N, C-alpha and C. Protein backbone atom coordinates (compact mmCIF):
# COMPACT_ATOMS: atom_id res chain seq x y z
N UNK A 1 -101.34 -38.73 40.63
CA UNK A 1 -102.56 -38.27 41.22
C UNK A 1 -103.59 -37.98 40.14
N UNK A 2 -104.78 -38.29 40.44
CA UNK A 2 -105.96 -38.29 39.47
C UNK A 2 -106.62 -36.78 39.42
N UNK A 3 -106.84 -36.34 38.45
CA UNK A 3 -107.33 -34.97 38.19
C UNK A 3 -108.83 -35.02 38.87
N UNK A 4 -109.21 -33.84 39.40
CA UNK A 4 -110.53 -33.67 39.99
C UNK A 4 -111.66 -33.93 38.84
N UNK A 5 -111.41 -33.37 37.69
CA UNK A 5 -112.33 -33.57 36.59
C UNK A 5 -112.56 -34.97 36.17
N UNK A 6 -111.47 -35.75 36.25
CA UNK A 6 -111.52 -37.19 35.81
C UNK A 6 -112.34 -37.91 36.86
N UNK A 7 -112.05 -37.70 38.01
CA UNK A 7 -112.78 -38.23 39.14
C UNK A 7 -114.33 -38.02 39.09
N UNK A 8 -114.80 -36.73 38.81
CA UNK A 8 -115.99 -36.41 38.64
C UNK A 8 -116.75 -37.09 37.48
N UNK A 9 -116.07 -37.22 36.36
CA UNK A 9 -116.47 -37.91 35.21
C UNK A 9 -116.74 -39.38 35.52
N UNK A 10 -115.71 -39.97 36.07
CA UNK A 10 -115.88 -41.53 36.50
C UNK A 10 -116.99 -41.59 37.37
N UNK A 11 -117.11 -40.65 38.45
CA UNK A 11 -118.34 -40.88 39.46
C UNK A 11 -119.62 -40.77 38.59
N UNK A 12 -119.62 -39.69 37.85
CA UNK A 12 -120.95 -39.47 36.87
C UNK A 12 -121.34 -40.67 36.03
N UNK A 13 -120.30 -41.26 35.42
CA UNK A 13 -120.51 -42.40 34.59
C UNK A 13 -120.97 -43.67 35.39
N UNK A 14 -120.39 -43.81 36.52
CA UNK A 14 -120.70 -44.99 37.50
C UNK A 14 -122.08 -44.81 37.98
N UNK A 15 -122.50 -43.53 38.40
CA UNK A 15 -123.91 -43.26 38.80
C UNK A 15 -124.78 -43.59 37.78
N UNK A 16 -124.54 -43.14 36.50
CA UNK A 16 -125.42 -43.33 35.33
C UNK A 16 -125.74 -45.00 35.06
N UNK A 17 -124.57 -45.55 35.00
CA UNK A 17 -124.61 -47.01 34.74
C UNK A 17 -125.33 -47.64 35.83
N UNK A 18 -125.21 -47.36 37.06
CA UNK A 18 -125.79 -47.89 38.27
C UNK A 18 -127.42 -47.63 38.25
N UNK A 19 -127.51 -46.43 37.84
CA UNK A 19 -129.08 -46.07 37.70
C UNK A 19 -129.82 -46.94 36.67
N UNK A 20 -129.23 -47.08 35.46
CA UNK A 20 -129.71 -47.82 34.38
C UNK A 20 -129.94 -49.21 34.76
N UNK A 21 -128.81 -49.80 35.54
CA UNK A 21 -128.85 -51.29 35.80
C UNK A 21 -130.05 -51.44 36.86
N UNK A 22 -130.20 -50.34 37.72
CA UNK A 22 -131.22 -50.53 38.73
C UNK A 22 -132.68 -50.43 38.15
N UNK A 23 -132.89 -49.64 37.05
CA UNK A 23 -134.03 -49.48 36.34
C UNK A 23 -134.27 -50.88 35.57
N UNK A 24 -133.44 -51.47 34.94
CA UNK A 24 -133.67 -52.76 34.37
C UNK A 24 -134.07 -53.79 35.25
N UNK A 25 -133.27 -53.91 36.38
CA UNK A 25 -133.49 -54.80 37.44
C UNK A 25 -134.78 -54.73 38.16
N UNK A 26 -135.15 -53.60 38.22
CA UNK A 26 -136.41 -53.36 38.83
C UNK A 26 -137.58 -53.70 37.86
N UNK A 27 -137.56 -53.42 36.63
CA UNK A 27 -138.49 -53.89 35.66
C UNK A 27 -138.65 -55.35 35.60
N UNK A 28 -137.49 -56.08 35.65
CA UNK A 28 -137.49 -57.48 35.41
C UNK A 28 -137.99 -58.07 36.83
N UNK A 29 -137.72 -57.50 37.90
CA UNK A 29 -138.21 -58.06 39.29
C UNK A 29 -139.63 -57.72 39.39
N UNK A 30 -140.07 -56.49 38.83
CA UNK A 30 -141.47 -56.20 39.05
C UNK A 30 -142.40 -57.04 38.15
N UNK A 31 -141.93 -57.49 37.01
CA UNK A 31 -142.75 -58.37 36.15
C UNK A 31 -143.01 -59.61 36.79
N UNK A 32 -144.37 -59.99 36.85
CA UNK A 32 -144.65 -61.25 37.51
C UNK A 32 -144.04 -62.41 36.82
N UNK A 33 -143.17 -63.30 37.65
CA UNK A 33 -142.49 -64.46 36.97
C UNK A 33 -143.62 -65.53 36.82
N UNK A 34 -144.35 -65.73 37.74
CA UNK A 34 -145.30 -66.73 37.67
C UNK A 34 -146.52 -66.55 38.52
N UNK A 35 -147.55 -65.94 37.83
CA UNK A 35 -148.75 -65.62 38.75
C UNK A 35 -149.75 -66.69 38.51
N UNK A 36 -149.39 -67.84 37.95
CA UNK A 36 -150.34 -69.03 37.73
C UNK A 36 -151.09 -68.90 36.49
N UNK A 37 -151.45 -67.68 36.15
CA UNK A 37 -152.34 -67.31 34.93
C UNK A 37 -153.65 -68.19 35.08
N UNK A 38 -154.23 -68.15 36.11
CA UNK A 38 -155.45 -68.97 36.24
C UNK A 38 -156.67 -68.17 35.76
N UNK A 39 -156.50 -67.28 34.73
CA UNK A 39 -157.57 -66.42 34.17
C UNK A 39 -158.53 -67.31 33.47
N UNK A 40 -159.86 -66.96 33.60
CA UNK A 40 -160.83 -67.67 32.60
C UNK A 40 -160.30 -67.71 31.25
N UNK A 41 -160.66 -68.78 30.53
CA UNK A 41 -160.11 -69.03 29.14
C UNK A 41 -160.33 -67.87 28.25
N UNK A 42 -161.49 -67.02 28.19
CA UNK A 42 -161.55 -66.11 27.15
C UNK A 42 -161.58 -64.63 27.80
N UNK A 43 -161.10 -64.55 28.99
CA UNK A 43 -161.22 -63.20 29.66
C UNK A 43 -159.88 -62.53 29.32
N UNK A 44 -160.04 -61.21 28.82
CA UNK A 44 -158.92 -60.60 28.74
C UNK A 44 -158.51 -59.85 30.21
N UNK A 45 -157.16 -59.94 30.38
CA UNK A 45 -156.62 -59.46 31.61
C UNK A 45 -156.27 -58.08 31.49
N UNK A 46 -156.85 -57.22 32.18
CA UNK A 46 -156.63 -55.63 32.17
C UNK A 46 -155.56 -55.29 33.22
N UNK A 47 -154.44 -54.66 32.87
CA UNK A 47 -153.53 -54.25 33.89
C UNK A 47 -153.92 -52.85 34.40
N UNK A 48 -153.97 -52.55 35.65
CA UNK A 48 -154.43 -51.34 36.14
C UNK A 48 -153.55 -50.30 35.72
N UNK A 49 -152.12 -50.47 35.51
CA UNK A 49 -151.23 -49.46 35.12
C UNK A 49 -150.53 -49.93 33.89
N UNK A 50 -151.26 -49.73 32.74
CA UNK A 50 -150.87 -50.16 31.50
C UNK A 50 -149.55 -49.67 31.17
N UNK A 51 -149.26 -48.45 31.51
CA UNK A 51 -147.95 -47.71 31.11
C UNK A 51 -146.86 -48.53 31.73
N UNK A 52 -146.94 -49.14 32.99
CA UNK A 52 -145.98 -49.74 33.62
C UNK A 52 -145.69 -51.13 32.96
N UNK A 53 -146.66 -51.75 32.51
CA UNK A 53 -146.55 -52.91 31.64
C UNK A 53 -145.95 -52.74 30.45
N UNK A 54 -146.25 -51.72 29.76
CA UNK A 54 -145.66 -51.42 28.53
C UNK A 54 -144.20 -51.06 28.71
N UNK A 55 -143.75 -50.29 29.77
CA UNK A 55 -142.50 -50.18 30.06
C UNK A 55 -141.58 -51.43 30.42
N UNK A 56 -142.36 -52.28 31.27
CA UNK A 56 -141.61 -53.63 31.47
C UNK A 56 -141.55 -54.47 30.10
N UNK A 57 -142.39 -54.36 29.29
CA UNK A 57 -142.25 -55.03 27.96
C UNK A 57 -141.09 -54.46 27.19
N UNK A 58 -140.96 -53.13 27.21
CA UNK A 58 -139.93 -52.44 26.50
C UNK A 58 -138.53 -52.89 27.05
N UNK A 59 -138.38 -52.84 28.27
CA UNK A 59 -137.15 -53.29 29.03
C UNK A 59 -136.79 -54.63 28.72
N UNK A 60 -137.90 -55.58 28.89
CA UNK A 60 -137.55 -56.97 28.78
C UNK A 60 -137.22 -57.31 27.21
N UNK A 61 -137.81 -56.57 26.28
CA UNK A 61 -137.43 -56.72 24.86
C UNK A 61 -135.95 -56.32 24.63
N UNK A 62 -135.48 -55.39 25.41
CA UNK A 62 -134.18 -55.13 25.25
C UNK A 62 -133.19 -56.06 25.88
N UNK A 63 -133.68 -56.53 27.03
CA UNK A 63 -132.92 -57.68 27.67
C UNK A 63 -132.78 -58.76 26.85
N UNK A 64 -133.77 -59.34 26.21
CA UNK A 64 -133.67 -60.54 25.44
C UNK A 64 -132.92 -60.33 24.14
N UNK A 65 -132.98 -59.04 23.74
CA UNK A 65 -132.13 -58.74 22.49
C UNK A 65 -130.76 -58.86 22.78
N UNK A 66 -130.33 -58.44 23.92
CA UNK A 66 -128.94 -58.54 24.45
C UNK A 66 -128.50 -59.86 24.90
N UNK A 67 -129.57 -60.54 25.62
CA UNK A 67 -129.30 -61.85 26.23
C UNK A 67 -130.29 -62.88 25.75
N UNK A 68 -130.13 -63.30 24.45
CA UNK A 68 -131.24 -64.23 23.96
C UNK A 68 -131.22 -65.64 24.71
N UNK A 69 -130.33 -65.96 25.50
CA UNK A 69 -130.56 -67.15 26.41
C UNK A 69 -131.01 -66.94 27.67
N UNK A 70 -131.48 -65.76 28.03
CA UNK A 70 -132.22 -65.44 29.24
C UNK A 70 -133.60 -65.99 29.47
N UNK A 71 -133.64 -67.06 30.03
CA UNK A 71 -134.90 -67.84 30.19
C UNK A 71 -135.84 -66.97 30.94
N UNK A 72 -135.47 -66.54 32.10
CA UNK A 72 -136.37 -65.87 32.98
C UNK A 72 -137.07 -64.57 32.26
N UNK A 73 -136.10 -63.91 31.60
CA UNK A 73 -136.63 -62.67 30.72
C UNK A 73 -137.65 -63.06 29.76
N UNK A 74 -137.40 -64.26 29.15
CA UNK A 74 -138.21 -64.69 28.03
C UNK A 74 -139.63 -64.96 28.65
N UNK A 75 -139.58 -65.68 29.74
CA UNK A 75 -140.82 -65.98 30.51
C UNK A 75 -141.60 -64.80 30.91
N UNK A 76 -140.87 -63.91 31.43
CA UNK A 76 -141.58 -62.65 31.97
C UNK A 76 -142.01 -61.81 30.90
N UNK A 77 -141.35 -61.83 29.65
CA UNK A 77 -141.89 -61.14 28.54
C UNK A 77 -143.06 -61.72 28.05
N UNK A 78 -143.11 -63.14 27.88
CA UNK A 78 -144.35 -63.87 27.59
C UNK A 78 -145.51 -63.56 28.52
N UNK A 79 -145.19 -63.50 29.83
CA UNK A 79 -146.25 -63.29 30.79
C UNK A 79 -146.82 -61.81 30.56
N UNK A 80 -146.00 -60.86 30.30
CA UNK A 80 -146.56 -59.48 30.02
C UNK A 80 -147.35 -59.38 28.73
N UNK A 81 -146.83 -60.16 27.75
CA UNK A 81 -147.58 -60.10 26.49
C UNK A 81 -148.90 -60.77 26.75
N UNK A 82 -148.97 -61.96 27.53
CA UNK A 82 -150.12 -62.55 27.94
C UNK A 82 -151.19 -61.70 28.45
N UNK A 83 -150.61 -61.06 29.56
CA UNK A 83 -151.39 -60.12 30.36
C UNK A 83 -152.02 -58.88 29.48
N UNK A 84 -151.41 -58.62 28.50
CA UNK A 84 -151.85 -57.45 27.65
C UNK A 84 -152.43 -57.98 26.43
N UNK A 85 -152.75 -59.24 26.35
CA UNK A 85 -153.57 -59.75 25.20
C UNK A 85 -152.83 -59.74 23.92
N UNK A 86 -151.59 -59.91 23.98
CA UNK A 86 -150.77 -60.02 22.68
C UNK A 86 -150.32 -61.48 22.47
N UNK A 87 -151.48 -62.17 22.06
CA UNK A 87 -151.24 -63.66 22.16
C UNK A 87 -150.03 -64.17 21.25
N UNK A 88 -149.95 -63.67 19.94
CA UNK A 88 -148.93 -64.18 19.06
C UNK A 88 -147.60 -63.83 19.53
N UNK A 89 -147.24 -62.61 20.11
CA UNK A 89 -146.02 -62.28 20.75
C UNK A 89 -145.77 -63.25 21.92
N UNK A 90 -146.72 -63.45 22.77
CA UNK A 90 -146.54 -64.39 23.89
C UNK A 90 -146.14 -65.68 23.42
N UNK A 91 -146.69 -66.30 22.29
CA UNK A 91 -146.30 -67.71 21.85
C UNK A 91 -144.86 -67.60 21.51
N UNK A 92 -144.56 -66.52 20.89
CA UNK A 92 -143.08 -66.50 20.47
C UNK A 92 -142.11 -66.35 21.72
N UNK A 93 -142.40 -65.60 22.68
CA UNK A 93 -141.58 -65.50 23.83
C UNK A 93 -141.59 -66.80 24.61
N UNK A 94 -142.81 -67.50 24.75
CA UNK A 94 -142.84 -68.76 25.45
C UNK A 94 -142.00 -69.86 24.71
N UNK A 95 -142.03 -69.87 23.33
CA UNK A 95 -141.37 -70.76 22.70
C UNK A 95 -139.97 -70.60 22.77
N UNK A 96 -139.47 -69.20 22.83
CA UNK A 96 -138.05 -69.03 23.13
C UNK A 96 -137.56 -69.51 24.41
N UNK A 97 -138.39 -69.27 25.41
CA UNK A 97 -138.16 -69.74 26.79
C UNK A 97 -138.04 -71.18 26.88
N UNK A 98 -138.88 -72.04 26.21
CA UNK A 98 -138.96 -73.38 26.29
C UNK A 98 -137.88 -73.94 25.45
N UNK A 99 -137.31 -73.16 24.48
CA UNK A 99 -136.10 -73.84 23.70
C UNK A 99 -134.97 -73.77 24.67
N UNK A 100 -134.88 -72.84 25.60
CA UNK A 100 -133.70 -72.93 26.51
C UNK A 100 -133.89 -73.88 27.66
N UNK A 101 -135.17 -73.93 28.16
CA UNK A 101 -135.55 -74.89 29.27
C UNK A 101 -136.91 -75.33 29.18
N UNK A 102 -137.33 -76.69 28.95
CA UNK A 102 -138.54 -76.98 28.57
C UNK A 102 -139.31 -77.58 29.78
N UNK A 103 -138.93 -77.49 30.93
CA UNK A 103 -139.52 -78.27 32.02
C UNK A 103 -140.60 -77.73 32.77
N UNK A 104 -140.98 -76.51 32.40
CA UNK A 104 -141.95 -75.72 33.46
C UNK A 104 -143.35 -75.94 32.88
N UNK A 105 -144.08 -76.66 33.66
CA UNK A 105 -145.51 -76.96 33.38
C UNK A 105 -146.25 -75.78 33.31
N UNK A 106 -146.01 -74.71 34.02
CA UNK A 106 -146.63 -73.44 33.87
C UNK A 106 -146.59 -72.68 32.67
N UNK A 107 -145.26 -72.71 32.16
CA UNK A 107 -145.08 -72.06 30.89
C UNK A 107 -145.78 -72.88 29.73
N UNK A 108 -145.73 -74.21 29.68
CA UNK A 108 -146.50 -75.09 28.70
C UNK A 108 -147.86 -74.63 28.85
N UNK A 109 -148.38 -74.48 29.97
CA UNK A 109 -149.94 -74.20 30.12
C UNK A 109 -150.09 -72.85 29.59
N UNK A 110 -149.36 -71.89 29.89
CA UNK A 110 -149.60 -70.52 29.43
C UNK A 110 -149.42 -70.47 27.87
N UNK A 111 -148.45 -71.21 27.38
CA UNK A 111 -148.55 -71.34 25.85
C UNK A 111 -149.68 -71.97 25.36
N UNK A 112 -150.13 -73.02 25.98
CA UNK A 112 -151.48 -73.64 25.50
C UNK A 112 -152.62 -72.67 25.50
N UNK A 113 -152.73 -71.82 26.52
CA UNK A 113 -153.80 -70.67 26.60
C UNK A 113 -153.62 -69.82 25.48
N UNK A 114 -152.36 -69.39 25.06
CA UNK A 114 -152.18 -68.48 23.91
C UNK A 114 -152.56 -69.19 22.59
N UNK A 115 -152.16 -70.39 22.55
CA UNK A 115 -152.60 -71.11 21.33
C UNK A 115 -154.22 -71.11 21.14
N UNK A 116 -154.82 -71.35 22.22
CA UNK A 116 -156.36 -71.43 22.34
C UNK A 116 -156.84 -70.00 21.85
N UNK A 117 -156.22 -68.86 22.45
CA UNK A 117 -156.76 -67.57 22.05
C UNK A 117 -156.51 -67.35 20.56
N UNK A 118 -155.53 -68.03 19.88
CA UNK A 118 -155.29 -67.79 18.52
C UNK A 118 -156.09 -68.74 17.62
N UNK A 119 -156.81 -69.63 18.24
CA UNK A 119 -157.54 -70.60 17.50
C UNK A 119 -156.87 -71.82 17.06
N UNK A 120 -155.76 -72.04 17.68
CA UNK A 120 -154.82 -73.17 17.49
C UNK A 120 -155.10 -74.23 18.48
N UNK A 121 -156.28 -74.85 18.31
CA UNK A 121 -156.83 -75.79 19.49
C UNK A 121 -155.93 -77.03 19.57
N UNK A 122 -155.51 -77.60 18.45
CA UNK A 122 -154.65 -78.83 18.44
C UNK A 122 -153.32 -78.56 19.22
N UNK A 123 -152.68 -77.43 18.97
CA UNK A 123 -151.41 -76.97 19.52
C UNK A 123 -151.63 -76.68 21.00
N UNK A 124 -152.91 -76.24 21.33
CA UNK A 124 -153.09 -75.94 22.78
C UNK A 124 -153.27 -77.23 23.60
N UNK A 125 -153.91 -78.24 23.07
CA UNK A 125 -153.98 -79.58 23.56
C UNK A 125 -152.58 -80.05 23.74
N UNK A 126 -151.85 -80.07 22.79
CA UNK A 126 -150.43 -80.61 22.75
C UNK A 126 -149.59 -79.81 23.92
N UNK A 127 -149.87 -78.56 24.18
CA UNK A 127 -149.08 -77.90 25.19
C UNK A 127 -149.56 -78.21 26.43
N UNK A 128 -150.83 -78.36 26.81
CA UNK A 128 -151.33 -78.85 27.94
C UNK A 128 -150.96 -80.30 28.29
N UNK A 129 -150.88 -81.11 27.40
CA UNK A 129 -150.40 -82.52 27.58
C UNK A 129 -148.85 -82.52 27.88
N UNK A 130 -148.15 -81.51 27.30
CA UNK A 130 -146.72 -81.51 27.65
C UNK A 130 -146.55 -81.01 28.94
N UNK A 131 -147.32 -79.90 29.51
CA UNK A 131 -147.27 -79.49 30.89
C UNK A 131 -147.68 -80.55 31.74
N UNK A 132 -148.59 -81.37 31.60
CA UNK A 132 -149.04 -82.48 32.48
C UNK A 132 -147.92 -83.60 32.45
N UNK A 133 -147.26 -83.77 31.42
CA UNK A 133 -146.14 -84.71 31.38
C UNK A 133 -144.91 -84.22 32.19
N UNK A 134 -144.67 -82.98 32.02
CA UNK A 134 -143.40 -82.32 32.71
C UNK A 134 -143.70 -82.23 34.17
N UNK A 135 -144.86 -82.16 34.67
CA UNK A 135 -145.19 -82.11 36.18
C UNK A 135 -146.49 -82.98 36.26
N UNK A 136 -146.32 -84.15 36.65
CA UNK A 136 -147.60 -84.97 36.75
C UNK A 136 -148.59 -84.52 37.70
N UNK A 137 -148.45 -83.78 38.63
CA UNK A 137 -149.42 -83.23 39.56
C UNK A 137 -149.86 -81.91 39.10
N UNK A 138 -149.65 -81.44 37.98
CA UNK A 138 -150.03 -80.12 37.51
C UNK A 138 -151.55 -80.01 37.17
N UNK A 139 -152.23 -79.36 37.95
CA UNK A 139 -153.80 -79.31 37.74
C UNK A 139 -154.11 -78.42 36.71
N UNK A 140 -153.49 -77.23 36.50
CA UNK A 140 -154.00 -76.23 35.68
C UNK A 140 -153.86 -76.66 34.14
N UNK A 141 -152.94 -77.47 33.78
CA UNK A 141 -152.82 -78.00 32.49
C UNK A 141 -153.92 -78.99 32.09
N UNK A 142 -154.25 -79.80 33.00
CA UNK A 142 -155.42 -80.64 32.88
C UNK A 142 -156.73 -79.97 32.85
N UNK A 143 -156.90 -79.05 33.68
CA UNK A 143 -158.10 -78.15 33.79
C UNK A 143 -158.31 -77.64 32.45
N UNK A 144 -157.35 -76.76 31.91
CA UNK A 144 -157.30 -76.07 30.69
C UNK A 144 -157.57 -77.12 29.41
N UNK A 145 -157.04 -78.23 29.50
CA UNK A 145 -157.19 -79.19 28.49
C UNK A 145 -158.67 -79.54 28.45
N UNK A 146 -159.35 -79.73 29.55
CA UNK A 146 -160.78 -80.06 29.56
C UNK A 146 -161.63 -78.82 29.06
N UNK A 147 -161.26 -77.67 29.28
CA UNK A 147 -161.96 -76.48 28.77
C UNK A 147 -161.77 -76.55 27.19
N UNK A 148 -160.73 -76.70 26.58
CA UNK A 148 -160.58 -76.82 25.08
C UNK A 148 -161.33 -77.94 24.56
N UNK A 149 -161.23 -79.07 25.11
CA UNK A 149 -161.88 -80.32 24.67
C UNK A 149 -163.51 -80.10 24.62
N UNK A 150 -163.92 -79.33 25.75
CA UNK A 150 -165.43 -79.22 25.80
C UNK A 150 -165.76 -78.01 24.90
N UNK A 151 -165.16 -76.82 25.01
CA UNK A 151 -165.62 -75.67 24.41
C UNK A 151 -165.31 -75.50 22.88
N UNK A 152 -164.11 -76.15 22.56
CA UNK A 152 -163.61 -75.83 21.18
C UNK A 152 -163.68 -77.16 20.42
N UNK A 153 -163.63 -78.23 20.92
CA UNK A 153 -163.72 -79.55 20.20
C UNK A 153 -165.13 -80.38 20.34
N UNK A 154 -166.01 -79.70 21.19
CA UNK A 154 -167.32 -80.29 21.52
C UNK A 154 -167.09 -81.78 21.94
N UNK A 155 -166.20 -81.94 22.79
CA UNK A 155 -165.87 -83.41 23.32
C UNK A 155 -166.10 -83.55 24.82
N UNK A 156 -167.35 -83.71 25.14
CA UNK A 156 -167.67 -83.80 26.63
C UNK A 156 -166.82 -85.03 27.32
N UNK A 157 -166.73 -86.09 26.53
CA UNK A 157 -166.11 -87.19 27.14
C UNK A 157 -164.62 -86.91 27.35
N UNK A 158 -163.97 -86.32 26.45
CA UNK A 158 -162.74 -85.94 26.66
C UNK A 158 -162.45 -84.99 27.83
N UNK A 159 -163.32 -83.97 27.85
CA UNK A 159 -163.34 -83.01 28.99
C UNK A 159 -163.47 -83.69 30.36
N UNK A 160 -164.31 -84.58 30.39
CA UNK A 160 -164.65 -85.37 31.60
C UNK A 160 -163.46 -86.16 32.06
N UNK A 161 -162.78 -86.73 31.04
CA UNK A 161 -161.56 -87.63 31.48
C UNK A 161 -160.49 -86.58 31.85
N UNK A 162 -160.28 -85.35 31.30
CA UNK A 162 -159.29 -84.49 31.78
C UNK A 162 -159.60 -84.07 33.18
N UNK A 163 -160.92 -83.56 33.34
CA UNK A 163 -161.24 -83.22 34.74
C UNK A 163 -161.23 -84.28 35.81
N UNK A 164 -161.51 -85.59 35.37
CA UNK A 164 -161.40 -86.53 36.40
C UNK A 164 -159.86 -86.75 36.87
N UNK A 165 -159.16 -86.49 36.06
CA UNK A 165 -157.61 -86.36 36.45
C UNK A 165 -157.22 -85.31 37.26
N UNK A 166 -158.02 -84.17 37.23
CA UNK A 166 -157.93 -83.07 38.08
C UNK A 166 -158.42 -83.49 39.56
N UNK A 167 -159.53 -84.15 39.34
CA UNK A 167 -160.24 -84.53 40.72
C UNK A 167 -159.52 -85.60 41.43
N UNK A 168 -158.73 -86.50 40.90
CA UNK A 168 -157.80 -87.40 41.35
C UNK A 168 -156.79 -86.64 42.12
N UNK A 169 -156.32 -85.48 41.65
CA UNK A 169 -155.27 -84.78 42.15
C UNK A 169 -155.80 -83.80 43.35
N UNK A 170 -156.97 -83.37 43.03
CA UNK A 170 -157.65 -82.39 44.00
C UNK A 170 -159.01 -82.60 43.95
N UNK A 171 -159.73 -83.46 44.92
CA UNK A 171 -161.07 -83.67 44.89
C UNK A 171 -161.98 -82.45 45.09
N UNK A 172 -161.38 -81.30 45.68
CA UNK A 172 -162.07 -80.15 45.99
C UNK A 172 -161.88 -79.15 44.95
N UNK A 173 -161.38 -79.40 43.93
CA UNK A 173 -160.99 -78.39 42.76
C UNK A 173 -162.36 -77.76 42.28
N UNK A 174 -162.26 -76.39 42.12
CA UNK A 174 -163.33 -75.51 41.67
C UNK A 174 -163.04 -74.77 40.39
N UNK A 175 -163.83 -74.33 39.65
CA UNK A 175 -163.70 -73.60 38.56
C UNK A 175 -163.51 -72.27 38.84
N UNK A 176 -163.24 -71.26 38.02
CA UNK A 176 -163.11 -69.80 38.22
C UNK A 176 -164.37 -69.31 38.93
N UNK A 177 -165.40 -69.61 38.45
CA UNK A 177 -166.69 -69.19 39.10
C UNK A 177 -167.08 -69.67 40.45
N UNK A 178 -166.12 -70.66 40.87
CA UNK A 178 -166.38 -71.13 42.39
C UNK A 178 -167.31 -72.34 42.35
N UNK A 179 -167.65 -72.83 41.14
CA UNK A 179 -168.47 -74.03 40.98
C UNK A 179 -167.46 -75.24 41.33
N UNK A 180 -167.89 -76.35 41.96
CA UNK A 180 -167.17 -77.46 42.23
C UNK A 180 -166.94 -78.20 41.02
N UNK A 181 -165.74 -78.52 40.65
CA UNK A 181 -165.44 -79.23 39.34
C UNK A 181 -166.19 -80.74 39.39
N UNK A 182 -166.33 -81.31 40.53
CA UNK A 182 -166.90 -82.49 40.68
C UNK A 182 -168.59 -82.37 40.15
N UNK A 183 -169.10 -81.23 40.58
CA UNK A 183 -170.55 -80.89 40.06
C UNK A 183 -170.53 -80.78 38.62
N UNK A 184 -169.68 -80.04 38.09
CA UNK A 184 -169.55 -79.82 36.67
C UNK A 184 -169.47 -81.11 35.84
N UNK A 185 -168.58 -82.01 36.48
CA UNK A 185 -168.45 -83.32 35.85
C UNK A 185 -169.69 -84.10 35.80
N UNK A 186 -170.26 -84.01 37.06
CA UNK A 186 -171.54 -84.85 37.29
C UNK A 186 -172.69 -84.26 36.30
N UNK A 187 -172.71 -82.98 35.98
CA UNK A 187 -173.64 -82.49 35.20
C UNK A 187 -173.47 -82.99 33.62
N UNK A 188 -172.12 -82.87 33.28
CA UNK A 188 -171.74 -83.39 31.92
C UNK A 188 -172.09 -84.85 31.76
N UNK A 189 -171.83 -85.67 32.72
CA UNK A 189 -172.12 -87.09 32.64
C UNK A 189 -173.55 -87.25 32.57
N UNK A 190 -174.41 -86.35 33.23
CA UNK A 190 -175.84 -86.65 33.15
C UNK A 190 -176.58 -85.92 31.91
N UNK A 191 -175.64 -85.58 31.10
CA UNK A 191 -176.03 -84.84 29.82
C UNK A 191 -176.71 -83.41 30.01
N UNK A 192 -176.45 -82.76 31.08
CA UNK A 192 -177.14 -81.49 31.36
C UNK A 192 -176.23 -80.17 30.65
């Protein structure tokens, strides 16, 4: 027969482990896996509850330390770094995720945006190209490529070509400010 004290200790340990697992699971599930990250290229994203994001980062850092092959945890960690404007750390996290599974156009695009934020424009273009290659219908990778070509390389012709690919996929595409992409392309072609 089991002693009453042993039963209480086992119950307490089980409760503690269950609680800890619940906290970790909740942090992982509450971290956005894929919010599209359609943020304007140079706009910093402010989290309304910075403390929650900081806690999610802390938990995810613990998860990837214990489970270095956890693709979803690396992506979520990268997304949290992205959202808190920690570009260098986001690059590392996205690189780790892509080393595990490199087929996500969204992760390639987010990586490209982080490269742009750190002034690594060639790597940004490479990442956007890889995202478009991985998912031929991926609009955001092509749109962001056009942004970098126009704003960072002063290459309107390259930007027009990238955005014309977007318009083939979605003729009604708009920029973040609501302006039709087709109007923007027409203005660039007219030299405005």
